[in-house]
Amino acid sequence: MKIFVAAPFGSKLDAAGTFDLGYRGRLEQLHRRVEAAGHSIFASQRNEEWGHAPLPPEDYVLIDYHELASSDVIIAVLGANPSLGVCIELGWASALGIPIIVVTKHAHSSTMISGLHRVSEVHYIAADLEESTPTDQELFEQLQVHLPGGTVDEEP
C-alpha cells in the first residue's frame, strides 16, 4: 500500500533551512514503522531532503499532487496550528476519494477538519507529533488498525 504522509514542512525549517531535529525524529520514526509494516511512503520532507534540496513551488506542487493522487491512503499529521499545505493536501485527498487518517489532538479547532468525515473516509487519531515522544505507542497501535497488511507497533 502506498501511503502519502502530509506533515508541516516550511514551518519546521529555521532561518538556515535546517528542519527541526526533534520533529524530524518523530516523523522519521512514523515513516520507519509504516514501512516496516510493508507499506511504501511518499513524504515531501524526504523528497526535498529535509530542506537541504528545496524545490521551487511549480515543481513540488505537481510532484506532491501526483504522488498523493497515486496513493492508497494519506496520513495527515496536524499540530495545534495546521499547516496550510497539509490542509490543501487534505482537500486533494478528499476530492480524489483517498482514505484519510488525521493525526491530531486538535481536530476540534477546525470545523472543516472535524467534519471532514461527513464527505470522506476519515479516521482520527488523537496524537500530536509536536508533543509526543518517538515511542508514542498509542499512535502506532491506532495506525495499525487503519493500515491493513502489517503491524506498525514495533520499531524495526
C-alpha atoms as a PDB file:
ATOM      1  CA  MET A   1       0.000   0.000   0.000  1.00  0.00           C
ATOM      2  CA  LYS A   2       1.321   3.456  -0.871  1.00  0.00           C
ATOM      3  CA  ILE A   3       0.975   5.989   1.933  1.00  0.00           C
ATOM      4  CA  PHE A   4       1.282   9.748   1.427  1.00  0.00           C
ATOM      5  CA  VAL A   5       2.446  11.350   4.669  1.00  0.00           C
ATOM      6  CA  ALA A   6       1.420  15.005   4.835  1.00  0.00           C
ATOM      7  CA  ALA A   7       3.135  16.950   7.605  1.00  0.00           C
ATOM      8  CA  PRO A   8       4.311  20.512   8.207  1.00  0.00           C
ATOM      9  CA  PHE A   9       7.443  21.420   6.295  1.00  0.00           C
ATOM     10  CA  GLY A  10       8.218  25.123   5.881  1.00  0.00           C
ATOM     11  CA  SER A  11       7.174  25.991   9.430  1.00  0.00           C
ATOM     12  CA  LYS A  12       9.654  23.402  10.731  1.00  0.00           C
ATOM     13  CA  LEU A  13      12.650  24.981   8.953  1.00  0.00           C
ATOM     14  CA  ASP A  14      14.775  27.534  10.780  1.00  0.00           C
ATOM     15  CA  ALA A  15      16.312  30.607   9.116  1.00  0.00           C
ATOM     16  CA  ALA A  16      19.263  28.498   7.927  1.00  0.00           C
ATOM     17  CA  GLY A  17      16.934  25.924   6.327  1.00  0.00           C
ATOM     18  CA  THR A  18      17.521  23.246   8.971  1.00  0.00           C
ATOM     19  CA  PHE A  19      14.499  21.085   9.779  1.00  0.00           C
ATOM     20  CA  ASP A  20      13.536  20.891  13.477  1.00  0.00           C
ATOM     21  CA  LEU A  21      15.507  17.845  14.631  1.00  0.00           C
ATOM     22  CA  GLY A  22      13.070  16.665  17.324  1.00  0.00           C
ATOM     23  CA  TYR A  23      10.100  16.827  14.985  1.00  0.00           C
ATOM     24  CA  ARG A  24      12.139  15.211  12.222  1.00  0.00           C
ATOM     25  CA  GLY A  25      12.991  12.315  14.524  1.00  0.00           C
ATOM     26  CA  ARG A  26       9.320  11.725  15.317  1.00  0.00           C
ATOM     27  CA  LEU A  27       8.339  11.858  11.626  1.00  0.00           C
ATOM     28  CA  GLU A  28      11.180   9.515  10.700  1.00  0.00           C
ATOM     29  CA  GLN A  29      10.002   7.055  13.319  1.00  0.00           C
ATOM     30  CA  LEU A  30       6.489   7.229  11.871  1.00  0.00           C
ATOM     31  CA  HIS A  31       7.951   6.568   8.401  1.00  0.00           C
ATOM     32  CA  ARG A  32      10.053   3.622   9.615  1.00  0.00           C
ATOM     33  CA  ARG A  33       7.156   1.968  11.403  1.00  0.00           C
ATOM     34  CA  VAL A  34       4.798   2.296   8.467  1.00  0.00           C
ATOM     35  CA  GLU A  35       7.466   0.973   6.085  1.00  0.00           C
ATOM     36  CA  ALA A  36       8.243  -1.897   8.461  1.00  0.00           C
ATOM     37  CA  ALA A  37       4.597  -2.905   8.031  1.00  0.00           C
ATOM     38  CA  GLY A  38       5.261  -3.368   4.312  1.00  0.00           C
ATOM     39  CA  HIS A  39       3.934  -0.054   3.026  1.00  0.00           C
ATOM     40  CA  SER A  40       5.749   2.467   0.850  1.00  0.00           C
ATOM     41  CA  ILE A  41       5.774   6.134   1.781  1.00  0.00           C
ATOM     42  CA  PHE A  42       5.979   9.432  -0.011  1.00  0.00           C
ATOM     43  CA  ALA A  43       6.786  12.458   2.137  1.00  0.00           C
ATOM     44  CA  SER A  44       7.793  15.819   0.710  1.00  0.00           C
ATOM     45  CA  GLN A  45      10.264  16.239   3.575  1.00  0.00           C
ATOM     46  CA  ARG A  46      12.180  13.212   2.306  1.00  0.00           C
ATOM     47  CA  ASN A  47      11.763  14.229  -1.327  1.00  0.00           C
ATOM     48  CA  GLU A  48      13.405  17.582  -0.561  1.00  0.00           C
ATOM     49  CA  GLU A  49      15.992  16.022   1.764  1.00  0.00           C
ATOM     50  CA  TRP A  50      14.556  17.672   4.886  1.00  0.00           C
ATOM     51  CA  GLY A  51      15.156  21.157   3.451  1.00  0.00           C
ATOM     52  CA  HIS A  52      18.628  20.519   2.001  1.00  0.00           C
ATOM     53  CA  ALA A  53      17.344  20.144  -1.598  1.00  0.00           C
ATOM     54  CA  PRO A  54      14.380  22.519  -1.848  1.00  0.00           C
ATOM     55  CA  LEU A  55      12.307  22.522  -4.998  1.00  0.00           C
ATOM     56  CA  PRO A  56      10.530  25.557  -6.455  1.00  0.00           C
ATOM     57  CA  PRO A  57       6.758  25.620  -5.844  1.00  0.00           C
ATOM     58  CA  GLU A  58       5.947  24.978  -9.508  1.00  0.00           C
ATOM     59  CA  ASP A  59       7.824  21.677  -9.179  1.00  0.00           C
ATOM     60  CA  TYR A  60       6.932  20.438  -5.706  1.00  0.00           C
ATOM     61  CA  VAL A  61       3.221  21.181  -6.028  1.00  0.00           C
ATOM     62  CA  LEU A  62       2.977  18.994  -9.141  1.00  0.00           C
ATOM     63  CA  ILE A  63       5.103  16.249  -7.584  1.00  0.00           C
ATOM     64  CA  ASP A  64       3.104  16.250  -4.347  1.00  0.00           C
ATOM     65  CA  TYR A  65      -0.218  16.225  -6.193  1.00  0.00           C
ATOM     66  CA  HIS A  66       0.769  13.315  -8.439  1.00  0.00           C
ATOM     67  CA  GLU A  67       2.227  11.352  -5.525  1.00  0.00           C
ATOM     68  CA  LEU A  68      -0.910  11.933  -3.455  1.00  0.00           C
ATOM     69  CA  ALA A  69      -3.210  11.047  -6.366  1.00  0.00           C
ATOM     70  CA  SER A  70      -1.422   7.704  -6.770  1.00  0.00           C
ATOM     71  CA  SER A  71      -1.553   6.880  -3.045  1.00  0.00           C
ATOM     72  CA  ASP A  72      -3.898   4.461  -1.320  1.00  0.00           C
ATOM     73  CA  VAL A  73      -4.103   6.400   1.948  1.00  0.00           C
ATOM     74  CA  ILE A  74      -2.980   9.767   3.283  1.00  0.00           C
ATOM     75  CA  ILE A  75      -1.737  10.222   6.828  1.00  0.00           C
ATOM     76  CA  ALA A  76      -2.143  13.917   7.646  1.00  0.00           C
ATOM     77  CA  VAL A  77      -0.082  14.994  10.633  1.00  0.00           C
ATOM     78  CA  LEU A  78      -1.508  18.166  12.135  1.00  0.00           C
ATOM     79  CA  GLY A  79      -0.453  20.165  15.152  1.00  0.00           C
ATOM     80  CA  ALA A  80      -2.142  22.908  17.125  1.00  0.00           C
ATOM     81  CA  ASN A  81      -1.712  25.216  14.102  1.00  0.00           C
ATOM     82  CA  PRO A  82      -2.277  23.074  10.997  1.00  0.00           C
ATOM     83  CA  SER A  83      -0.028  23.716   8.014  1.00  0.00           C
ATOM     84  CA  LEU A  84      -1.796  25.332   5.073  1.00  0.00           C
ATOM     85  CA  GLY A  85      -0.019  22.872   2.785  1.00  0.00           C
ATOM     86  CA  VAL A  86      -1.311  19.893   4.760  1.00  0.00           C
ATOM     87  CA  CYS A  87      -4.818  21.356   4.637  1.00  0.00           C
ATOM     88  CA  ILE A  88      -4.575  21.654   0.838  1.00  0.00           C
ATOM     89  CA  GLU A  89      -3.417  18.033   0.674  1.00  0.00           C
ATOM     90  CA  LEU A  90      -6.405  17.031   2.824  1.00  0.00           C
ATOM     91  CA  GLY A  91      -8.658  18.756   0.293  1.00  0.00           C
ATOM     92  CA  TRP A  92      -6.986  16.958  -2.604  1.00  0.00           C
ATOM     93  CA  ALA A  93      -7.337  13.587  -0.876  1.00  0.00           C
ATOM     94  CA  SER A  94     -10.977  14.237  -0.053  1.00  0.00           C
ATOM     95  CA  ALA A  95     -11.788  15.308  -3.618  1.00  0.00           C
ATOM     96  CA  LEU A  96      -9.958  12.272  -5.034  1.00  0.00           C
ATOM     97  CA  GLY A  97     -11.712   9.849  -2.671  1.00  0.00           C
ATOM     98  CA  ILE A  98      -8.486   8.751  -0.973  1.00  0.00           C
ATOM     99  CA  PRO A  99      -8.975   7.490   2.598  1.00  0.00           C
ATOM    100  CA  ILE A 100      -7.541   9.847   5.205  1.00  0.00           C
ATOM    101  CA  ILE A 101      -6.006   9.300   8.618  1.00  0.00           C
ATOM    102  CA  VAL A 102      -5.779  12.573  10.544  1.00  0.00           C
ATOM    103  CA  VAL A 103      -3.251  12.594  13.380  1.00  0.00           C
ATOM    104  CA  THR A 104      -4.091  15.474  15.723  1.00  0.00           C
ATOM    105  CA  LYS A 105      -5.282  16.312  19.190  1.00  0.00           C
ATOM    106  CA  HIS A 106      -6.786  19.492  17.783  1.00  0.00           C
ATOM    107  CA  ALA A 107      -9.373  18.381  15.189  1.00  0.00           C
ATOM    108  CA  HIS A 108     -11.995  20.387  17.074  1.00  0.00           C
ATOM    109  CA  SER A 109     -10.099  23.632  16.368  1.00  0.00           C
ATOM    110  CA  SER A 110     -11.273  23.487  12.742  1.00  0.00           C
ATOM    111  CA  THR A 111     -14.854  22.664  11.821  1.00  0.00           C
ATOM    112  CA  MET A 112     -13.677  21.687   8.328  1.00  0.00           C
ATOM    113  CA  ILE A 113     -11.215  19.143   9.717  1.00  0.00           C
ATOM    114  CA  SER A 114     -13.528  17.848  12.430  1.00  0.00           C
ATOM    115  CA  GLY A 115     -16.364  17.488   9.899  1.00  0.00           C
ATOM    116  CA  LEU A 116     -14.315  16.048   7.030  1.00  0.00           C
ATOM    117  CA  HIS A 117     -15.594  12.552   7.810  1.00  0.00           C
ATOM    118  CA  ARG A 118     -19.014  13.660   6.521  1.00  0.00           C
ATOM    119  CA  VAL A 119     -17.724  13.742   2.927  1.00  0.00           C
ATOM    120  CA  SER A 120     -14.703  11.413   3.010  1.00  0.00           C
ATOM    121  CA  GLU A 121     -13.464   8.237   4.633  1.00  0.00           C
ATOM    122  CA  VAL A 122     -11.595   9.702   7.593  1.00  0.00           C
ATOM    123  CA  HIS A 123     -10.150   8.197  10.744  1.00  0.00           C
ATOM    124  CA  TYR A 124      -8.990  10.482  13.530  1.00  0.00           C
ATOM    125  CA  ILE A 125      -6.097   9.568  15.821  1.00  0.00           C
ATOM    126  CA  ALA A 126      -5.678  11.773  18.883  1.00  0.00           C
ATOM    127  CA  ALA A 127      -1.926  12.323  18.912  1.00  0.00           C
ATOM    128  CA  ASP A 128       0.388  15.248  18.308  1.00  0.00           C
ATOM    129  CA  LEU A 129       3.892  14.696  16.974  1.00  0.00           C
ATOM    130  CA  GLU A 130       4.827  18.171  18.193  1.00  0.00           C
ATOM    131  CA  GLU A 131       4.257  16.944  21.751  1.00  0.00           C
ATOM    132  CA  SER A 132       4.750  13.193  21.543  1.00  0.00           C
ATOM    133  CA  THR A 133       7.914  11.292  22.123  1.00  0.00           C
ATOM    134  CA  PRO A 134       9.104   8.915  19.402  1.00  0.00           C
ATOM    135  CA  THR A 135       7.793   5.980  21.450  1.00  0.00           C
ATOM    136  CA  ASP A 136       4.149   7.082  21.441  1.00  0.00           C
ATOM    137  CA  GLN A 137       2.856   3.515  21.344  1.00  0.00           C
ATOM    138  CA  GLU A 138      -0.801   4.539  21.256  1.00  0.00           C
ATOM    139  CA  LEU A 139      -0.309   6.341  17.925  1.00  0.00           C
ATOM    140  CA  PHE A 140       1.272   3.300  16.317  1.00  0.00           C
ATOM    141  CA  GLU A 141      -1.350   0.920  17.711  1.00  0.00           C
ATOM    142  CA  GLN A 142      -4.095   3.093  16.216  1.00  0.00           C
ATOM    143  CA  LEU A 143      -2.283   3.314  12.876  1.00  0.00           C
ATOM    144  CA  GLN A 144      -2.091  -0.469  12.868  1.00  0.00           C
ATOM    145  CA  VAL A 145      -5.889  -0.604  12.951  1.00  0.00           C
ATOM    146  CA  HIS A 146      -6.229   1.711   9.936  1.00  0.00           C
ATOM    147  CA  LEU A 147      -3.338   0.406   7.796  1.00  0.00           C
ATOM    148  CA  PRO A 148      -4.061  -3.174   6.748  1.00  0.00           C
ATOM    149  CA  GLY A 149      -1.311  -5.528   5.715  1.00  0.00           C
ATOM    150  CA  GLY A 150       1.030  -5.463   8.656  1.00  0.00           C
ATOM    151  CA  THR A 151       1.827  -4.041  12.014  1.00  0.00           C
ATOM    152  CA  VAL A 152       3.416  -0.747  12.908  1.00  0.00           C
ATOM    153  CA  ASP A 153       3.744  -1.334  16.613  1.00  0.00           C
ATOM    154  CA  GLU A 154       7.407  -2.288  16.832  1.00  0.00           C
ATOM    155  CA  GLU A 155      10.481  -0.305  15.927  1.00  0.00           C
ATOM    156  CA  PRO A 156      12.383  -2.081  13.135  1.00  0.00           C
END
